[in-house]
Amino acid sequence: MRTALVIGTGLIGTSAALALTQRGVTVHLADHDPEQARTAAALGAGTDEAPDGPVDLAIVAAPPALVADVLADAMGRGAARGYIDVASVKGGPRRELEARGLDLSRYIGTHPMSGREKSGPLAATGDLFEGRPWVLTPTRDTDTEVLNLALELISHCRAVPVVMDADAHDRAVALVSHMPHLVSSMVAARLENAEEAAVRLCGQGIRDVTRIAASDPRMWIDILAANPGPVADLLGDVAADLDETVRALRALQSSDEDKRREGSRGIEAVLRRGNAGQVRVPGKHGSAPRVYETVAVLIDDQPGQLARIFADAGRAGVNIEDVRIEHATGQQAGLVQLMVEPKAAPVLTAALRERGWAIRQ
């Protein structure tokens, strides 16, 4: 691939353009808002000047509801040898294109499974997709050259290609992305009118649950409007679980011992089902989940503290598998949780203590 046209210079389009430009591909940028395309160009994502002729690959990074219109326009003027879109829903746009009678041999629907809470070109990074799954939804009509161009794009972005059926993809993202986003928003909404004293008690758990609720509502309305059925089905299941859980909690309030036992069994059942589902979430590098030991270190909120901890862990010959930071409320301090292999935990604990770090048991 020598040339590309990115249509839509938001977070995803600009991030793909940055990755391609860094790999030596000449990228042309287009957007319904010329100022946004100019911003992306100023960031080094390419040029906002139109190409002289057809490019190798046109990448449509528009909201799902607009994908078919933008693709039809680009195909109609022969903008590229191959066409892809990167919208988060795949079945609907393809059916719209089919209904228009377009030749879809030069098109393949794709979806990079990566993003941020922020949107727009200023939030873009050239490494946004690195190590992340990038779904491809080819059909028997897809031209091999177009598939290869899409795979080359994914390689340039250092993502991991995953081939799926379009409708299976939409059901999958409803489960792992769209439904969780709504649930996160519902939990975060409980905080809107909560007492300040309660909100000040927020810890890492509530931060984890509500993090994605910070995303742009307008973007999510577009996404959910393109995949409402599967999301509604899943939320219906969640609603049934909530009803059962509420009944179990009410039973725990009862003065009747049998009802309290029944309520306890109901709560235990939902918690254990949660355990069973959580262990299926892929672990590091997409491998099977592994159990790590946590070494918790108290630190001051000062420059260089994390670098010192990692350097001291390195001197001890211990690899940090994962890290979490919990900030103390009302204090310039925090708790760094270092996840390591179980056999490495005592080695790291001893080494950090020797170097003056405060370890929380």
Protein backbone atom coordinates (compact mmCIF):
# COMPACT_ATOMS: atom_id res chain seq x y z
CA MET A 1 0.00 0.00 0.00
CA ARG A 2 1.46 3.33 -1.08
CA THR A 3 -1.53 5.68 -0.80
CA ALA A 4 -4.67 5.86 1.33
CA LEU A 5 -7.67 8.13 1.76
CA VAL A 6 -9.12 8.47 5.26
CA ILE A 7 -12.67 9.82 5.21
CA GLY A 8 -13.57 10.95 8.71
CA THR A 9 -10.81 12.39 10.90
CA GLY A 10 -12.08 11.65 14.37
CA LEU A 11 -10.26 9.49 16.91
CA ILE A 12 -10.23 6.25 14.87
CA GLY A 13 -9.64 7.75 11.42
CA THR A 14 -6.86 10.05 12.57
CA SER A 15 -5.19 7.29 14.60
CA ALA A 16 -5.16 5.00 11.55
CA ALA A 17 -3.82 7.86 9.43
CA LEU A 18 -1.03 8.53 11.92
CA ALA A 19 -0.04 4.86 11.93
CA LEU A 20 0.00 4.69 8.12
CA THR A 21 1.96 7.94 7.77
CA GLN A 22 4.54 6.66 10.24
CA ARG A 23 4.98 3.60 7.99
CA GLY A 24 5.62 5.74 4.91
CA VAL A 25 2.15 5.61 3.34
CA THR A 26 0.93 8.82 1.69
CA VAL A 27 -2.38 9.59 3.43
CA HIS A 28 -5.04 12.01 2.20
CA LEU A 29 -7.54 13.26 4.77
CA ALA A 30 -11.17 14.23 4.21
CA ASP A 31 -13.97 15.18 6.57
CA HIS A 32 -17.38 16.87 6.38
CA ASP A 33 -15.76 19.43 8.71
CA PRO A 34 -12.68 20.76 6.83
CA GLU A 35 -11.29 22.25 10.03
CA GLN A 36 -11.14 18.80 11.61
CA ALA A 37 -9.23 17.45 8.59
CA ARG A 38 -6.82 20.38 8.85
CA THR A 39 -6.29 19.61 12.53
CA ALA A 40 -5.47 15.99 11.73
CA ALA A 41 -3.05 17.12 9.01
CA ALA A 42 -1.35 19.50 11.46
CA LEU A 43 -0.84 16.55 13.80
CA GLY A 44 1.12 14.74 11.08
CA ALA A 45 -1.64 12.35 10.00
CA GLY A 46 -1.32 13.25 6.30
CA THR A 47 -2.48 15.98 3.96
CA ASP A 48 -5.93 17.49 3.65
CA GLU A 49 -5.40 17.96 -0.08
CA ALA A 50 -7.44 15.69 -2.35
CA PRO A 51 -5.54 12.92 -4.17
CA ASP A 52 -4.84 13.31 -7.89
CA GLY A 53 -6.44 9.97 -8.70
CA PRO A 54 -7.58 6.70 -7.10
CA VAL A 55 -5.67 5.69 -3.97
CA ASP A 56 -4.88 2.13 -2.97
CA LEU A 57 -7.30 2.02 -0.03
CA ALA A 58 -10.13 4.25 1.15
CA ILE A 59 -10.84 4.02 4.88
CA VAL A 60 -14.28 5.28 5.89
CA ALA A 61 -14.30 6.32 9.54
CA ALA A 62 -17.84 7.67 9.75
CA PRO A 63 -20.65 6.91 12.25
CA PRO A 64 -22.53 3.67 11.43
CA ALA A 65 -25.61 5.54 10.17
CA LEU A 66 -23.50 7.41 7.59
CA VAL A 67 -21.20 4.60 6.46
CA ALA A 68 -23.35 3.47 3.53
CA ASP A 69 -23.77 7.02 2.19
CA VAL A 70 -20.05 7.82 2.46
CA LEU A 71 -19.00 4.50 0.92
CA ALA A 72 -21.51 4.82 -1.92
CA ASP A 73 -20.18 8.30 -2.72
CA ALA A 74 -16.55 7.17 -2.64
CA MET A 75 -17.26 4.11 -4.78
CA GLY A 76 -19.32 6.14 -7.22
CA ARG A 77 -16.40 8.47 -7.96
CA GLY A 78 -13.82 5.67 -8.07
CA ALA A 79 -11.82 7.04 -5.14
CA ALA A 80 -9.81 3.86 -4.49
CA ARG A 81 -8.89 0.34 -5.54
CA GLY A 82 -10.34 -1.01 -2.31
CA TYR A 83 -12.72 0.24 0.37
CA ILE A 84 -13.16 -0.52 4.05
CA ASP A 85 -15.06 1.02 6.92
CA VAL A 86 -14.11 0.97 10.59
CA ALA A 87 -17.56 1.44 12.16
CA SER A 88 -18.43 -0.52 15.28
CA VAL A 89 -21.44 -2.22 13.61
CA LYS A 90 -21.07 -4.34 10.50
CA GLY A 91 -24.30 -6.06 9.43
CA GLY A 92 -26.50 -3.00 8.86
CA PRO A 93 -24.11 -0.96 6.67
CA ARG A 94 -23.42 -3.96 4.44
CA ARG A 95 -27.13 -4.62 3.93
CA GLU A 96 -27.64 -0.96 3.06
CA LEU A 97 -24.91 -1.16 0.42
CA GLU A 98 -26.39 -4.37 -0.99
CA ALA A 99 -29.82 -2.71 -1.22
CA ARG A 100 -28.25 0.02 -3.36
CA GLY A 101 -26.99 -2.57 -5.82
CA LEU A 102 -23.32 -1.65 -5.38
CA ASP A 103 -20.48 -4.01 -6.35
CA LEU A 104 -19.18 -5.10 -2.97
CA SER A 105 -16.27 -7.17 -4.25
CA ARG A 106 -14.03 -4.11 -3.63
CA TYR A 107 -15.31 -3.61 -0.06
CA ILE A 108 -14.78 -5.24 3.29
CA GLY A 109 -16.27 -4.21 6.62
CA THR A 110 -13.81 -3.98 9.51
CA HIS A 111 -13.81 -2.89 13.14
CA PRO A 112 -10.72 -2.10 15.24
CA MET A 113 -11.53 -3.04 18.83
CA SER A 114 -9.84 -0.04 20.37
CA GLY A 115 -10.79 3.41 21.49
CA ARG A 116 -10.68 6.02 24.22
CA GLU A 117 -13.15 7.99 26.31
CA LYS A 118 -12.10 11.10 24.36
CA SER A 119 -13.02 11.74 20.73
CA GLY A 120 -11.76 13.88 17.86
CA PRO A 121 -8.38 14.14 16.14
CA LEU A 122 -6.65 15.66 19.16
CA ALA A 123 -7.26 12.41 21.07
CA ALA A 124 -5.68 10.28 18.30
CA THR A 125 -2.42 8.37 18.65
CA GLY A 126 -0.47 6.30 16.15
CA ASP A 127 -0.30 3.35 18.54
CA LEU A 128 -4.01 3.25 19.45
CA PHE A 129 -4.52 -0.16 17.79
CA GLU A 130 -1.25 -1.82 18.78
CA GLY A 131 -1.89 -5.34 20.05
CA ARG A 132 -5.67 -4.91 19.80
CA PRO A 133 -8.06 -7.15 17.81
CA TRP A 134 -9.15 -5.75 14.44
CA VAL A 135 -12.20 -7.60 13.08
CA LEU A 136 -12.56 -8.34 9.36
CA THR A 137 -15.92 -9.45 7.93
CA PRO A 138 -15.19 -10.71 4.39
CA THR A 139 -17.75 -12.60 2.32
CA ARG A 140 -17.31 -15.05 -0.55
CA ASP A 141 -17.58 -12.04 -2.89
CA THR A 142 -14.69 -10.13 -1.32
CA ASP A 143 -11.81 -9.61 -3.76
CA THR A 144 -8.52 -11.07 -2.53
CA GLU A 145 -6.67 -7.83 -3.31
CA VAL A 146 -9.03 -5.85 -1.05
CA LEU A 147 -8.63 -8.38 1.75
CA ASN A 148 -4.85 -8.11 1.41
CA LEU A 149 -5.00 -4.31 1.51
CA ALA A 150 -7.06 -4.49 4.71
CA LEU A 151 -4.59 -6.94 6.23
CA GLU A 152 -1.72 -4.62 5.27
CA LEU A 153 -3.49 -1.73 7.03
CA ILE A 154 -3.92 -3.84 10.15
CA SER A 155 -0.25 -4.83 10.01
CA HIS A 156 0.82 -1.18 9.73
CA CYS A 157 -1.34 -0.40 12.77
CA ARG A 158 0.23 -3.38 14.61
CA ALA A 159 -3.20 -4.78 15.43
CA VAL A 160 -4.29 -8.43 15.43
CA PRO A 161 -6.64 -9.50 12.59
CA VAL A 162 -9.74 -11.49 13.57
CA VAL A 163 -12.14 -12.82 10.90
CA MET A 164 -15.85 -12.98 11.78
CA ASP A 165 -19.28 -13.04 10.19
CA ALA A 166 -20.80 -9.53 10.21
CA ASP A 167 -23.90 -10.38 12.25
CA ALA A 168 -21.90 -12.54 14.68
CA HIS A 169 -19.62 -9.54 15.17
CA ASP A 170 -22.58 -7.30 15.98
CA ARG A 171 -23.86 -9.75 18.60
CA ALA A 172 -20.36 -10.01 20.06
CA VAL A 173 -19.78 -6.27 20.39
CA ALA A 174 -23.23 -5.89 21.92
CA LEU A 175 -22.03 -8.25 24.66
CA VAL A 176 -18.50 -6.98 25.25
CA SER A 177 -18.86 -3.27 24.41
CA HIS A 178 -22.30 -1.78 23.80
CA MET A 179 -24.26 -3.31 26.69
CA PRO A 180 -21.44 -2.73 29.24
CA HIS A 181 -21.28 0.91 28.19
CA LEU A 182 -24.96 1.44 28.99
CA VAL A 183 -24.62 -0.39 32.30
CA SER A 184 -21.60 1.79 33.18
CA SER A 185 -23.63 4.90 32.36
CA MET A 186 -26.52 3.70 34.52
CA VAL A 187 -24.19 3.16 37.48
CA ALA A 188 -22.52 6.53 36.94
CA ALA A 189 -25.94 8.20 36.77
CA ARG A 190 -26.54 7.17 40.40
CA LEU A 191 -23.74 9.58 41.34
CA GLU A 192 -25.27 12.62 39.64
CA ASN A 193 -27.44 13.67 42.58
CA ALA A 194 -25.66 11.74 45.32
CA GLU A 195 -24.57 13.54 48.48
CA GLU A 196 -21.07 14.99 48.29
CA ALA A 197 -20.01 13.05 51.38
CA ALA A 198 -20.87 9.80 49.59
CA VAL A 199 -19.11 10.76 46.36
CA ARG A 200 -15.93 11.58 48.27
CA LEU A 201 -15.75 7.93 49.28
CA CYS A 202 -15.36 6.78 45.65
CA GLY A 203 -12.54 4.26 45.34
CA GLN A 204 -10.96 2.29 42.53
CA GLY A 205 -13.91 -0.05 42.17
CA ILE A 206 -16.41 2.66 41.24
CA ARG A 207 -13.77 4.33 39.03
CA ASP A 208 -13.29 1.06 37.12
CA VAL A 209 -17.04 0.52 36.67
CA THR A 210 -17.80 4.09 35.53
CA ARG A 211 -14.68 4.90 33.47
CA ILE A 212 -16.27 4.34 30.07
CA ALA A 213 -19.33 6.40 31.03
CA ALA A 214 -17.21 9.49 30.27
CA SER A 215 -17.48 8.88 26.50
CA ASP A 216 -19.25 11.26 24.09
CA PRO A 217 -23.04 10.57 24.24
CA ARG A 218 -23.54 11.70 20.62
CA MET A 219 -21.11 9.08 19.37
CA TRP A 220 -22.78 6.37 21.43
CA ILE A 221 -26.26 7.28 20.23
CA ASP A 222 -24.99 6.63 16.67
CA ILE A 223 -23.47 3.30 17.71
CA LEU A 224 -26.47 2.03 19.67
CA ALA A 225 -28.95 3.14 17.02
CA ALA A 226 -27.12 0.85 14.57
CA ASN A 227 -27.22 -2.21 16.88
CA PRO A 228 -30.31 -1.84 19.09
CA GLY A 229 -31.74 -5.38 18.92
CA PRO A 230 -28.79 -7.39 20.30
CA VAL A 231 -28.15 -4.74 22.97
CA ALA A 232 -31.81 -4.73 24.05
CA ASP A 233 -31.81 -8.55 24.28
CA LEU A 234 -28.77 -8.49 26.56
CA LEU A 235 -30.16 -5.71 28.73
CA GLY A 236 -33.35 -7.73 29.07
CA ASP A 237 -31.26 -10.57 30.52
CA VAL A 238 -29.48 -8.12 32.84
CA ALA A 239 -32.85 -6.72 33.93
CA ALA A 240 -34.04 -10.23 34.82
CA ASP A 241 -30.89 -10.77 36.88
CA LEU A 242 -31.45 -7.41 38.61
CA ASP A 243 -35.03 -8.35 39.48
CA GLU A 244 -33.85 -11.63 41.02
CA THR A 245 -31.08 -9.86 42.91
CA VAL A 246 -33.47 -7.23 44.29
CA ARG A 247 -35.80 -9.98 45.48
CA ALA A 248 -32.88 -11.77 47.15
CA LEU A 249 -31.76 -8.59 48.91
CA ARG A 250 -35.33 -7.91 50.12
CA ALA A 251 -35.43 -11.46 51.47
CA LEU A 252 -32.26 -10.76 53.45
CA GLN A 253 -34.18 -7.99 55.23
CA SER A 254 -36.84 -10.43 56.39
CA SER A 255 -37.20 -11.54 59.99
CA ASP A 256 -37.99 -15.02 58.65
CA GLU A 257 -34.87 -17.20 58.81
CA ASP A 258 -35.92 -19.31 55.82
CA LYS A 259 -36.39 -16.21 53.67
CA ARG A 260 -32.99 -14.89 54.74
CA ARG A 261 -31.36 -18.17 53.75
CA GLU A 262 -33.15 -18.07 50.40
CA GLY A 263 -31.96 -14.51 49.88
CA SER A 264 -28.40 -15.46 50.76
CA ARG A 265 -28.47 -18.30 48.22
CA GLY A 266 -29.75 -15.90 45.57
CA ILE A 267 -26.95 -13.40 46.18
CA GLU A 268 -24.34 -16.15 46.25
CA ALA A 269 -25.65 -17.49 42.93
CA VAL A 270 -25.28 -14.17 41.10
CA LEU A 271 -21.83 -13.56 42.60
CA ARG A 272 -20.63 -17.03 41.58
CA ARG A 273 -22.01 -16.57 38.07
CA GLY A 274 -20.03 -13.35 37.97
CA ASN A 275 -16.91 -15.25 39.03
CA ALA A 276 -17.49 -17.80 36.27
CA GLY A 277 -17.89 -15.13 33.62
CA GLN A 278 -14.98 -12.99 34.78
CA VAL A 279 -12.45 -15.81 34.47
CA ARG A 280 -13.32 -16.08 30.76
CA VAL A 281 -12.05 -12.54 30.10
CA PRO A 282 -8.76 -12.96 28.18
CA GLY A 283 -5.61 -12.25 30.13
CA LYS A 284 -2.33 -10.67 29.17
CA HIS A 285 -1.68 -10.63 25.39
CA GLY A 286 -5.03 -12.37 24.86
CA SER A 287 -3.88 -15.56 26.56
CA ALA A 288 -5.83 -17.51 29.15
CA PRO A 289 -6.28 -15.57 32.41
CA ARG A 290 -3.60 -16.15 35.02
CA VAL A 291 -3.65 -15.61 38.75
CA TYR A 292 -1.13 -13.05 39.98
CA GLU A 293 -0.08 -12.01 43.46
CA THR A 294 -0.47 -8.35 44.36
CA VAL A 295 2.27 -6.36 46.07
CA ALA A 296 0.76 -3.09 47.33
CA VAL A 297 3.12 -0.14 47.78
CA LEU A 298 2.26 3.21 49.40
CA ILE A 299 3.71 6.17 47.48
CA ASP A 300 3.66 9.95 47.65
CA ASP A 301 2.16 11.75 44.67
CA GLN A 302 5.47 13.13 43.45
CA PRO A 303 7.32 13.01 40.11
CA GLY A 304 9.48 9.93 39.56
CA GLN A 305 7.90 7.66 42.17
CA LEU A 306 6.57 5.11 39.70
CA ALA A 307 9.83 5.11 37.76
CA ARG A 308 11.71 4.35 40.97
CA ILE A 309 9.40 1.44 41.83
CA PHE A 310 9.74 -0.11 38.38
CA ALA A 311 13.51 0.38 38.44
CA ASP A 312 13.75 -1.28 41.86
CA ALA A 313 11.58 -4.17 40.65
CA GLY A 314 13.89 -4.55 37.66
CA ARG A 315 16.96 -4.65 39.89
CA ALA A 316 15.25 -7.43 41.84
CA GLY A 317 14.77 -9.36 38.58
CA VAL A 318 10.96 -9.24 38.87
CA ASN A 319 8.67 -8.61 35.88
CA ILE A 320 5.61 -6.47 36.61
CA GLU A 321 2.69 -8.21 34.85
CA ASP A 322 0.14 -5.47 35.51
CA VAL A 323 -0.25 -2.35 37.63
CA ARG A 324 -3.11 -0.40 39.20
CA ILE A 325 -3.08 2.86 41.09
CA GLU A 326 -5.59 3.83 43.77
CA HIS A 327 -5.37 7.47 44.78
CA ALA A 328 -6.03 8.38 48.40
CA THR A 329 -8.99 10.70 49.01
CA GLY A 330 -7.90 14.10 50.31
CA GLN A 331 -4.21 13.18 50.43
CA GLN A 332 -1.28 13.54 48.03
CA ALA A 333 -0.62 9.83 48.19
CA GLY A 334 -1.72 6.60 46.62
CA LEU A 335 -1.51 2.83 46.62
CA VAL A 336 0.28 1.17 43.71
CA GLN A 337 -0.77 -2.44 43.21
CA LEU A 338 1.91 -4.43 41.40
CA MET A 339 0.72 -7.73 39.93
CA VAL A 340 3.46 -10.36 39.67
CA GLU A 341 3.89 -14.13 39.37
CA PRO A 342 3.13 -15.75 42.77
CA LYS A 343 6.70 -17.00 43.25
CA ALA A 344 8.04 -13.49 42.59
CA ALA A 345 5.84 -11.75 45.19
CA PRO A 346 8.04 -12.46 48.27
CA VAL A 347 11.18 -11.55 46.30
CA LEU A 348 9.68 -8.21 45.22
CA THR A 349 8.29 -7.48 48.68
CA ALA A 350 11.66 -8.04 50.34
CA ALA A 351 13.52 -6.01 47.70
CA LEU A 352 11.17 -3.03 47.93
CA ARG A 353 11.23 -3.02 51.72
CA GLU A 354 15.02 -3.09 51.62
CA ARG A 355 14.94 0.02 49.43
CA GLY A 356 12.67 1.89 51.85
CA TRP A 357 9.24 1.40 50.27
CA ALA A 358 6.19 1.04 52.53
CA ILE A 359 4.45 -2.25 51.75
CA ARG A 360 0.81 -2.71 52.68
CA GLN A 361 -0.10 -6.23 53.71
